[in-house]
Protein backbone atom coordinates (compact mmCIF):
# COMPACT_ATOMS: atom_id res chain seq x y z
CA LEU A 1 13.04 64.73 38.45
CA LEU A 2 15.02 62.77 35.81
CA ALA A 3 13.20 59.67 36.85
CA ASN A 4 9.96 61.40 36.09
CA ILE A 5 11.09 62.92 32.74
CA ILE A 6 12.83 59.92 31.09
CA PRO A 7 9.92 57.48 31.22
CA ARG A 8 7.62 60.18 29.79
CA TRP A 9 10.14 60.80 26.99
CA LEU A 10 10.37 57.13 26.14
CA ILE A 11 6.62 56.82 26.11
CA SER A 12 6.25 59.86 23.83
CA GLU A 13 8.95 58.54 21.46
CA ARG A 14 7.32 55.12 21.31
CA ASP A 15 3.90 56.58 20.62
CA SER A 16 5.27 58.83 17.84
CA GLY A 17 6.74 55.80 16.05
CA ARG A 18 10.36 57.01 16.19
CA VAL A 19 11.43 54.23 18.55
CA LYS A 20 11.00 50.61 17.40
CA ARG A 21 11.26 47.80 19.83
CA PRO A 22 13.65 45.00 19.01
CA ALA A 23 10.91 42.61 19.98
CA ALA A 24 8.68 44.01 17.26
CA PHE A 25 11.50 43.68 14.72
CA ASP A 26 12.11 40.11 15.77
CA CYS A 27 8.46 39.29 15.38
CA ARG A 28 8.41 40.78 11.86
CA GLY A 29 11.50 38.88 10.91
CA THR A 30 10.00 35.69 12.10
CA GLU A 31 6.82 36.39 10.15
CA ILE A 32 8.83 37.14 6.98
CA PHE A 33 10.79 33.92 7.36
CA GLN A 34 7.63 31.96 7.94
CA THR A 35 5.97 33.58 4.91
CA HIS A 36 8.83 32.58 2.56
CA ALA A 37 9.14 29.11 4.06
CA ALA A 38 5.42 28.32 4.09
CA PRO A 39 5.15 27.02 0.48
CA PHE A 40 8.10 24.74 1.02
CA LEU A 41 6.63 23.41 4.26
CA VAL A 42 3.24 22.91 2.62
CA ARG A 43 4.81 21.04 -0.29
CA SER A 44 6.87 18.94 2.11
CA GLN A 45 3.84 18.08 4.20
CA HIS A 46 1.82 17.26 1.07
CA PHE A 47 4.59 15.02 -0.25
CA HIS A 48 4.94 13.31 3.12
CA SER A 49 1.19 12.74 3.43
CA SER A 50 1.01 11.39 -0.13
CA VAL A 51 3.84 8.97 0.58
CA VAL A 52 2.14 7.82 3.76
CA SER A 53 -1.18 7.41 1.94
CA LEU A 54 0.53 5.38 -0.78
CA LYS A 55 2.10 3.14 1.83
CA LYS A 56 -1.12 2.67 3.77
CA ARG A 57 -3.44 2.31 0.79
CA PRO A 58 -4.56 -1.34 0.61
CA GLN A 59 -3.82 -3.11 -2.63
CA SER A 60 -6.95 -4.18 -4.47
CA GLU A 61 -7.04 -7.95 -4.79
CA PRO A 62 -8.01 -9.47 -8.14
CA PRO A 63 -11.24 -11.48 -8.18
CA PRO A 64 -10.68 -15.13 -7.31
CA ARG A 65 -10.40 -17.48 -10.23
CA GLU A 66 -12.67 -20.42 -10.66
CA LEU A 67 -9.89 -22.92 -9.95
CA ASP A 68 -9.03 -21.05 -6.75
CA LEU A 69 -12.64 -21.29 -5.62
CA LEU A 70 -12.63 -25.00 -6.36
CA ARG A 71 -9.40 -25.50 -4.42
CA TYR A 72 -11.02 -24.18 -1.25
CA ASP A 73 -14.15 -26.25 -1.83
CA MET A 74 -12.38 -29.59 -2.29
CA LYS A 75 -11.54 -29.84 1.40
CA ASP A 76 -15.28 -30.03 2.13
CA LEU A 77 -15.84 -33.08 -0.08
CA TRP A 78 -16.02 -35.50 2.84
CA LYS A 79 -18.54 -33.26 4.57
CA SER A 80 -21.05 -34.38 1.95
CA PRO A 81 -24.07 -36.32 3.19
CA LYS A 82 -23.49 -40.04 2.84
CA PRO A 83 -26.44 -40.58 0.44
CA ALA A 84 -25.04 -37.86 -1.86
CA LEU A 85 -21.61 -39.51 -1.90
CA VAL A 86 -22.96 -43.02 -2.52
CA LEU A 87 -25.48 -42.03 -5.19
CA GLY A 88 -23.06 -39.59 -6.83
CA PHE A 89 -20.23 -42.09 -7.26
CA ALA A 90 -22.68 -44.85 -8.20
CA GLY A 91 -23.92 -42.56 -10.95
CA LEU A 92 -20.47 -42.77 -12.57
CA ILE A 93 -20.97 -46.46 -13.42
CA PRO A 94 -22.91 -45.79 -16.67
CA PHE A 95 -20.17 -43.35 -17.67
CA VAL A 96 -17.12 -45.48 -16.93
CA THR A 97 -18.38 -49.00 -17.74
CA PRO A 98 -19.01 -48.56 -21.51
CA THR A 99 -15.60 -47.01 -22.10
CA LEU A 100 -13.79 -49.71 -20.11
CA PHE A 101 -15.76 -52.46 -21.82
CA MET A 102 -14.90 -51.22 -25.31
CA ALA A 103 -11.28 -50.60 -24.37
CA VAL A 104 -10.86 -54.11 -22.91
CA THR A 105 -12.51 -55.80 -25.90
CA GLU A 106 -10.64 -53.48 -28.31
CA SER A 107 -13.83 -52.89 -30.24
CA TYR A 108 -16.21 -50.00 -30.73
CA TYR A 109 -19.83 -50.96 -30.12
CA PRO A 110 -22.35 -48.33 -31.30
CA GLU A 111 -25.08 -49.69 -29.03
CA VAL A 112 -22.87 -49.33 -25.96
CA ALA A 113 -21.77 -45.86 -26.99
CA TYR A 114 -25.39 -44.84 -27.56
CA ALA A 115 -26.37 -46.06 -24.09
CA GLN A 116 -23.57 -43.97 -22.59
CA LEU A 117 -24.61 -40.98 -24.66
CA ALA A 118 -28.26 -41.23 -23.65
CA TYR A 119 -27.34 -41.45 -19.98
CA SER A 120 -25.05 -38.44 -20.34
CA ALA A 121 -27.86 -36.41 -21.88
CA CYS A 122 -30.12 -37.35 -18.97
CA ILE A 123 -27.49 -36.19 -16.47
CA VAL A 124 -27.02 -32.87 -18.27
CA SER A 125 -30.77 -32.28 -18.21
CA PHE A 126 -30.87 -33.27 -14.53
CA LEU A 127 -28.22 -30.67 -13.70
CA GLY A 128 -30.37 -27.96 -15.24
CA GLY A 129 -33.36 -29.13 -13.23
CA ALA A 130 -31.28 -29.10 -10.06
CA ARG A 131 -30.46 -25.45 -10.64
CA TRP A 132 -34.15 -24.68 -11.12
CA GLY A 133 -35.01 -26.42 -7.86
CA PHE A 134 -32.19 -24.63 -6.06
CA ALA A 135 -33.67 -21.25 -7.00
CA LEU A 136 -37.23 -21.96 -5.82
CA PRO A 137 -36.96 -21.92 -1.96
CA GLU A 138 -37.39 -18.48 -0.41
CA SER A 139 -34.21 -18.87 1.67
CA SER A 140 -32.04 -19.77 -1.33
CA PRO A 141 -29.31 -17.31 -2.42
CA ALA A 142 -30.31 -18.00 -6.03
CA LYS A 143 -33.51 -16.13 -6.76
CA PRO A 144 -36.04 -17.40 -9.34
CA ASP A 145 -35.28 -14.58 -11.76
CA TRP A 146 -34.77 -14.64 -15.52
CA ILE A 147 -31.02 -15.30 -15.28
CA ASN A 148 -31.19 -18.30 -12.98
CA LEU A 149 -34.21 -19.95 -14.57
CA ALA A 150 -33.09 -19.31 -18.15
CA ASN A 151 -29.66 -20.76 -17.42
CA SER A 152 -31.40 -23.76 -15.87
CA VAL A 153 -33.05 -24.47 -19.21
CA VAL A 154 -29.80 -24.32 -21.24
CA PRO A 155 -28.47 -27.77 -20.16
CA SER A 156 -31.80 -29.38 -21.07
CA LEU A 157 -31.66 -27.83 -24.54
CA LEU A 158 -28.10 -29.08 -25.02
CA ALA A 159 -29.20 -32.57 -23.95
CA TRP A 160 -32.03 -32.43 -26.48
CA ALA A 161 -29.62 -31.35 -29.24
CA THR A 162 -27.33 -34.22 -28.24
CA MET A 163 -30.04 -36.79 -28.85
CA LEU A 164 -30.92 -35.22 -32.18
CA MET A 165 -27.32 -35.82 -33.31
CA SER A 166 -27.06 -39.31 -31.83
CA ASP A 167 -26.61 -40.93 -35.26
CA SER A 168 -23.09 -39.46 -35.37
CA ILE A 169 -21.15 -40.15 -32.20
CA ILE A 170 -18.49 -37.44 -32.54
CA PRO A 171 -20.75 -34.33 -32.67
CA ALA A 172 -23.16 -35.87 -30.16
CA VAL A 173 -20.43 -36.55 -27.58
CA THR A 174 -18.97 -33.10 -28.22
CA MET A 175 -22.34 -31.52 -27.52
CA VAL A 176 -22.91 -33.42 -24.29
CA ILE A 177 -19.39 -32.54 -23.09
CA MET A 178 -20.23 -28.89 -23.71
CA GLY A 179 -23.36 -29.33 -21.63
CA LEU A 180 -21.40 -30.79 -18.73
CA GLY A 181 -18.82 -28.01 -18.89
CA ILE A 182 -21.36 -25.19 -19.06
CA SER A 183 -23.33 -26.65 -16.16
CA LEU A 184 -20.18 -26.93 -14.05
CA HIS A 185 -19.21 -23.34 -14.86
CA TYR A 186 -22.64 -22.11 -13.80
CA ASP A 187 -22.52 -24.06 -10.55
CA LEU A 188 -19.00 -23.05 -9.52
CA SER A 189 -18.80 -19.32 -10.07
CA LEU A 190 -21.20 -17.66 -12.48
CA LEU A 191 -24.47 -17.88 -10.57
CA PRO A 192 -25.18 -17.99 -6.81
CA THR A 193 -23.45 -21.19 -5.98
CA TYR A 194 -24.25 -24.42 -4.19
CA PRO A 195 -22.74 -25.49 -0.86
CA SER A 196 -19.01 -26.21 -0.89
CA TRP A 197 -19.40 -29.97 -0.49
CA PHE A 198 -21.75 -30.14 -3.48
CA LYS A 199 -19.42 -28.10 -5.69
CA ALA A 200 -16.53 -30.40 -4.79
CA LEU A 201 -18.62 -33.49 -5.51
CA ARG A 202 -19.91 -32.03 -8.78
CA SER A 203 -16.39 -31.24 -9.94
CA ILE A 204 -15.13 -34.78 -9.36
CA LEU A 205 -18.15 -36.40 -10.99
CA THR A 206 -18.00 -34.09 -14.00
CA THR A 207 -14.27 -34.71 -14.45
CA VAL A 208 -14.72 -38.50 -14.47
CA ALA A 209 -17.67 -38.22 -16.86
CA PHE A 210 -15.64 -35.99 -19.17
CA PHE A 211 -12.72 -38.42 -19.44
CA SER A 212 -15.10 -41.33 -19.93
CA LEU A 213 -16.72 -39.60 -22.92
CA VAL A 214 -13.34 -38.62 -24.34
CA GLY A 215 -12.30 -42.27 -23.97
CA THR A 216 -15.30 -43.31 -26.06
CA LEU A 217 -14.21 -40.94 -28.81
CA ILE A 218 -10.69 -42.41 -28.71
CA VAL A 219 -12.06 -45.97 -28.89
CA ASN A 220 -14.18 -44.94 -31.86
CA GLY A 221 -11.11 -43.68 -33.63
CA ILE A 222 -8.66 -46.54 -33.04
CA TYR A 223 -10.72 -49.75 -32.77
CA PRO A 224 -12.94 -51.44 -35.38
CA GLU A 225 -16.69 -51.18 -35.11
CA LYS A 226 -18.64 -54.26 -34.12
CA LYS A 227 -22.30 -55.04 -33.48
CA ILE A 228 -23.58 -56.57 -30.28
CA PHE A 229 -26.98 -57.36 -31.72
CA LEU A 230 -26.78 -58.77 -35.23
CA ASP A 231 -29.44 -57.68 -37.70
């Protein structure tokens, strides 16, 4: 009889709400603890994830400088076609010979300097034409747009201005040096560039031409002027 009464009494007490199970209390306590601890856990997880993202975020690399590009291209110099190497270095003779001749004779000859200047203007104009030709083929990375073709004309205009100032050697040589430098800057980094071997070859040839022209200016300043052809 007691076995039949007690379970019914417990069931009626539980249903009326007067008896609370310890399990229910434990569950509420756990929920209360989790409710108070949730913001802290969220902040901790957010901080941890932000630290991990900062550690894993790749550092943005600065754009390569022009000298860095040239450093990687110089190793391809000897991959140049043999005709390009021979004709390129042979083209330095009209640059180097006048300066050496005037330095050895310790005299400044205007006719020799003019010949060097005229050849330099031709080379600057040729470099502009080479850029134009590079942009014409359909497979070329340099498209025949306004930027490429307009920049191809700039060296020719500088060469023309050089010859207009040929009566005075200092501004004329300065102008042709500017033309060489601008052309080299275009070819190395500013526009869609040439093959690596050509950029390396161009850099060496332009450097030798630059020092040859600077040498002519130095000779003009320290040695007396003489005439090869007497009037």
